[in-house]
C-alpha atoms as a PDB file:
ATOM      1  CA  UNK A   1     121.239  95.065  54.783  1.00  0.00           C
ATOM      2  CA  UNK A   2     123.315  92.560  57.478  1.00  0.00           C
ATOM      3  CA  UNK A   3     121.576  89.671  58.352  1.00  0.00           C
ATOM      4  CA  UNK A   4     120.945  88.675  61.501  1.00  0.00           C
ATOM      5  CA  UNK A   5     121.202  92.111  63.033  1.00  0.00           C
ATOM      6  CA  UNK A   6     117.290  91.853  64.418  1.00  0.00           C
ATOM      7  CA  UNK A   7     116.321  90.261  67.309  1.00  0.00           C
ATOM      8  CA  UNK A   8     114.267  87.249  66.340  1.00  0.00           C
ATOM      9  CA  UNK A   9     109.819  88.027  66.910  1.00  0.00           C
ATOM     10  CA  UNK A  10     107.752  85.764  67.711  1.00  0.00           C
ATOM     11  CA  UNK A  11     103.745  85.286  69.089  1.00  0.00           C
ATOM     12  CA  UNK A  12     103.618  85.344  72.743  1.00  0.00           C
ATOM     13  CA  UNK A  13     100.454  85.042  74.793  1.00  0.00           C
ATOM     14  CA  UNK A  14     100.421  88.211  77.739  1.00  0.00           C
ATOM     15  CA  UNK A  15      98.157  87.091  81.107  1.00  0.00           C
ATOM     16  CA  UNK A  16      97.114  90.312  82.695  1.00  0.00           C
ATOM     17  CA  UNK A  17      96.513  90.088  86.439  1.00  0.00           C
ATOM     18  CA  UNK A  18      92.841  89.636  85.778  1.00  0.00           C
ATOM     19  CA  UNK A  19      93.514  86.752  83.853  1.00  0.00           C
ATOM     20  CA  UNK A  20      92.277  88.134  80.398  1.00  0.00           C
ATOM     21  CA  UNK A  21      95.040  87.177  78.035  1.00  0.00           C
ATOM     22  CA  UNK A  22      96.297  88.488  74.148  1.00  0.00           C
ATOM     23  CA  UNK A  23      98.926  87.476  71.733  1.00  0.00           C
ATOM     24  CA  UNK A  24     100.942  89.893  70.202  1.00  0.00           C
ATOM     25  CA  UNK A  25     104.586  89.779  69.127  1.00  0.00           C
ATOM     26  CA  UNK A  26     107.768  89.710  71.102  1.00  0.00           C
ATOM     27  CA  UNK A  27     111.359  88.920  71.217  1.00  0.00           C
ATOM     28  CA  UNK A  28     111.095  88.046  75.356  1.00  0.00           C
ATOM     29  CA  UNK A  29     110.995  84.135  75.690  1.00  0.00           C
ATOM     30  CA  UNK A  30     110.062  81.168  72.568  1.00  0.00           C
ATOM     31  CA  UNK A  31     107.044  80.627  70.144  1.00  0.00           C
ATOM     32  CA  UNK A  32     104.358  79.946  71.985  1.00  0.00           C
ATOM     33  CA  UNK A  33     105.644  81.118  75.786  1.00  0.00           C
ATOM     34  CA  UNK A  34     102.900  82.702  77.949  1.00  0.00           C
ATOM     35  CA  UNK A  35     104.185  86.295  80.194  1.00  0.00           C
ATOM     36  CA  UNK A  36     102.322  86.603  83.207  1.00  0.00           C
ATOM     37  CA  UNK A  37     102.100  90.246  84.158  1.00  0.00           C
ATOM     38  CA  UNK A  38     102.736  90.878  88.157  1.00  0.00           C
ATOM     39  CA  UNK A  39     101.258  94.782  87.694  1.00  0.00           C
ATOM     40  CA  UNK A  40      99.527  95.556  83.875  1.00  0.00           C
ATOM     41  CA  UNK A  41      97.976  98.729  83.073  1.00  0.00           C
ATOM     42  CA  UNK A  42      94.283  97.515  84.700  1.00  0.00           C
ATOM     43  CA  UNK A  43      95.477  97.188  87.974  1.00  0.00           C
ATOM     44  CA  UNK A  44      98.681  99.447  88.904  1.00  0.00           C
ATOM     45  CA  UNK A  45      97.479 103.062  90.212  1.00  0.00           C
ATOM     46  CA  UNK A  46     100.339 105.135  87.815  1.00  0.00           C
ATOM     47  CA  UNK A  47      97.853 104.337  85.277  1.00  0.00           C
ATOM     48  CA  UNK A  48      94.750 104.059  86.989  1.00  0.00           C
ATOM     49  CA  UNK A  49      94.976 107.002  88.730  1.00  0.00           C
ATOM     50  CA  UNK A  50      94.076 105.059  91.622  1.00  0.00           C
ATOM     51  CA  UNK A  51      92.744 105.777  94.496  1.00  0.00           C
ATOM     52  CA  UNK A  52      95.434 105.263  97.576  1.00  0.00           C
ATOM     53  CA  UNK A  53      97.079 108.118  99.205  1.00  0.00           C
ATOM     54  CA  UNK A  54     100.681 108.595  98.687  1.00  0.00           C
ATOM     55  CA  UNK A  55     102.904 108.154 101.926  1.00  0.00           C
ATOM     56  CA  UNK A  56     105.856 110.863 102.127  1.00  0.00           C
ATOM     57  CA  UNK A  57     107.101 111.648 105.367  1.00  0.00           C
ATOM     58  CA  UNK A  58     108.865 114.922 104.223  1.00  0.00           C
ATOM     59  CA  UNK A  59     110.717 113.474 101.116  1.00  0.00           C
ATOM     60  CA  UNK A  60     110.513 114.173  97.583  1.00  0.00           C
ATOM     61  CA  UNK A  61     106.734 114.392  97.283  1.00  0.00           C
ATOM     62  CA  UNK A  62     106.608 116.969  99.925  1.00  0.00           C
ATOM     63  CA  UNK A  63     109.538 119.124  98.290  1.00  0.00           C
ATOM     64  CA  UNK A  64     107.662 118.866  95.085  1.00  0.00           C
ATOM     65  CA  UNK A  65     104.475 119.922  96.441  1.00  0.00           C
ATOM     66  CA  UNK A  66     106.381 123.003  97.973  1.00  0.00           C
ATOM     67  CA  UNK A  67     108.264 123.966  94.757  1.00  0.00           C
ATOM     68  CA  UNK A  68     104.968 123.748  92.754  1.00  0.00           C
ATOM     69  CA  UNK A  69     102.307 124.922  94.936  1.00  0.00           C
ATOM     70  CA  UNK A  70     101.343 128.209  93.154  1.00  0.00           C
ATOM     71  CA  UNK A  71     101.036 125.907  90.631  1.00  0.00           C
ATOM     72  CA  UNK A  72      98.029 124.040  91.930  1.00  0.00           C
ATOM     73  CA  UNK A  73      98.722 120.718  90.423  1.00  0.00           C
ATOM     74  CA  UNK A  74     100.835 119.758  93.672  1.00  0.00           C
ATOM     75  CA  UNK A  75     100.265 116.525  95.076  1.00  0.00           C
ATOM     76  CA  UNK A  76      97.384 116.326  97.883  1.00  0.00           C
ATOM     77  CA  UNK A  77      98.427 114.702 101.360  1.00  0.00           C
END
């Protein structure tokens, strides 16, 4: 195997939006750096199923809902 073909993995600290932290291996930054997240799975509605209503004015969401309305899983406005 060729040398220097793999990225340099090292330990970094990831800080979630709620302040919790964990250590993980990454190629980002340098050994011991801290990665501060702006969004994460605990706070973003894409992962939490948030209670927010999606705003759409006749765009993609409306077209999707109309196309698949008979299947019972179209987005609610």
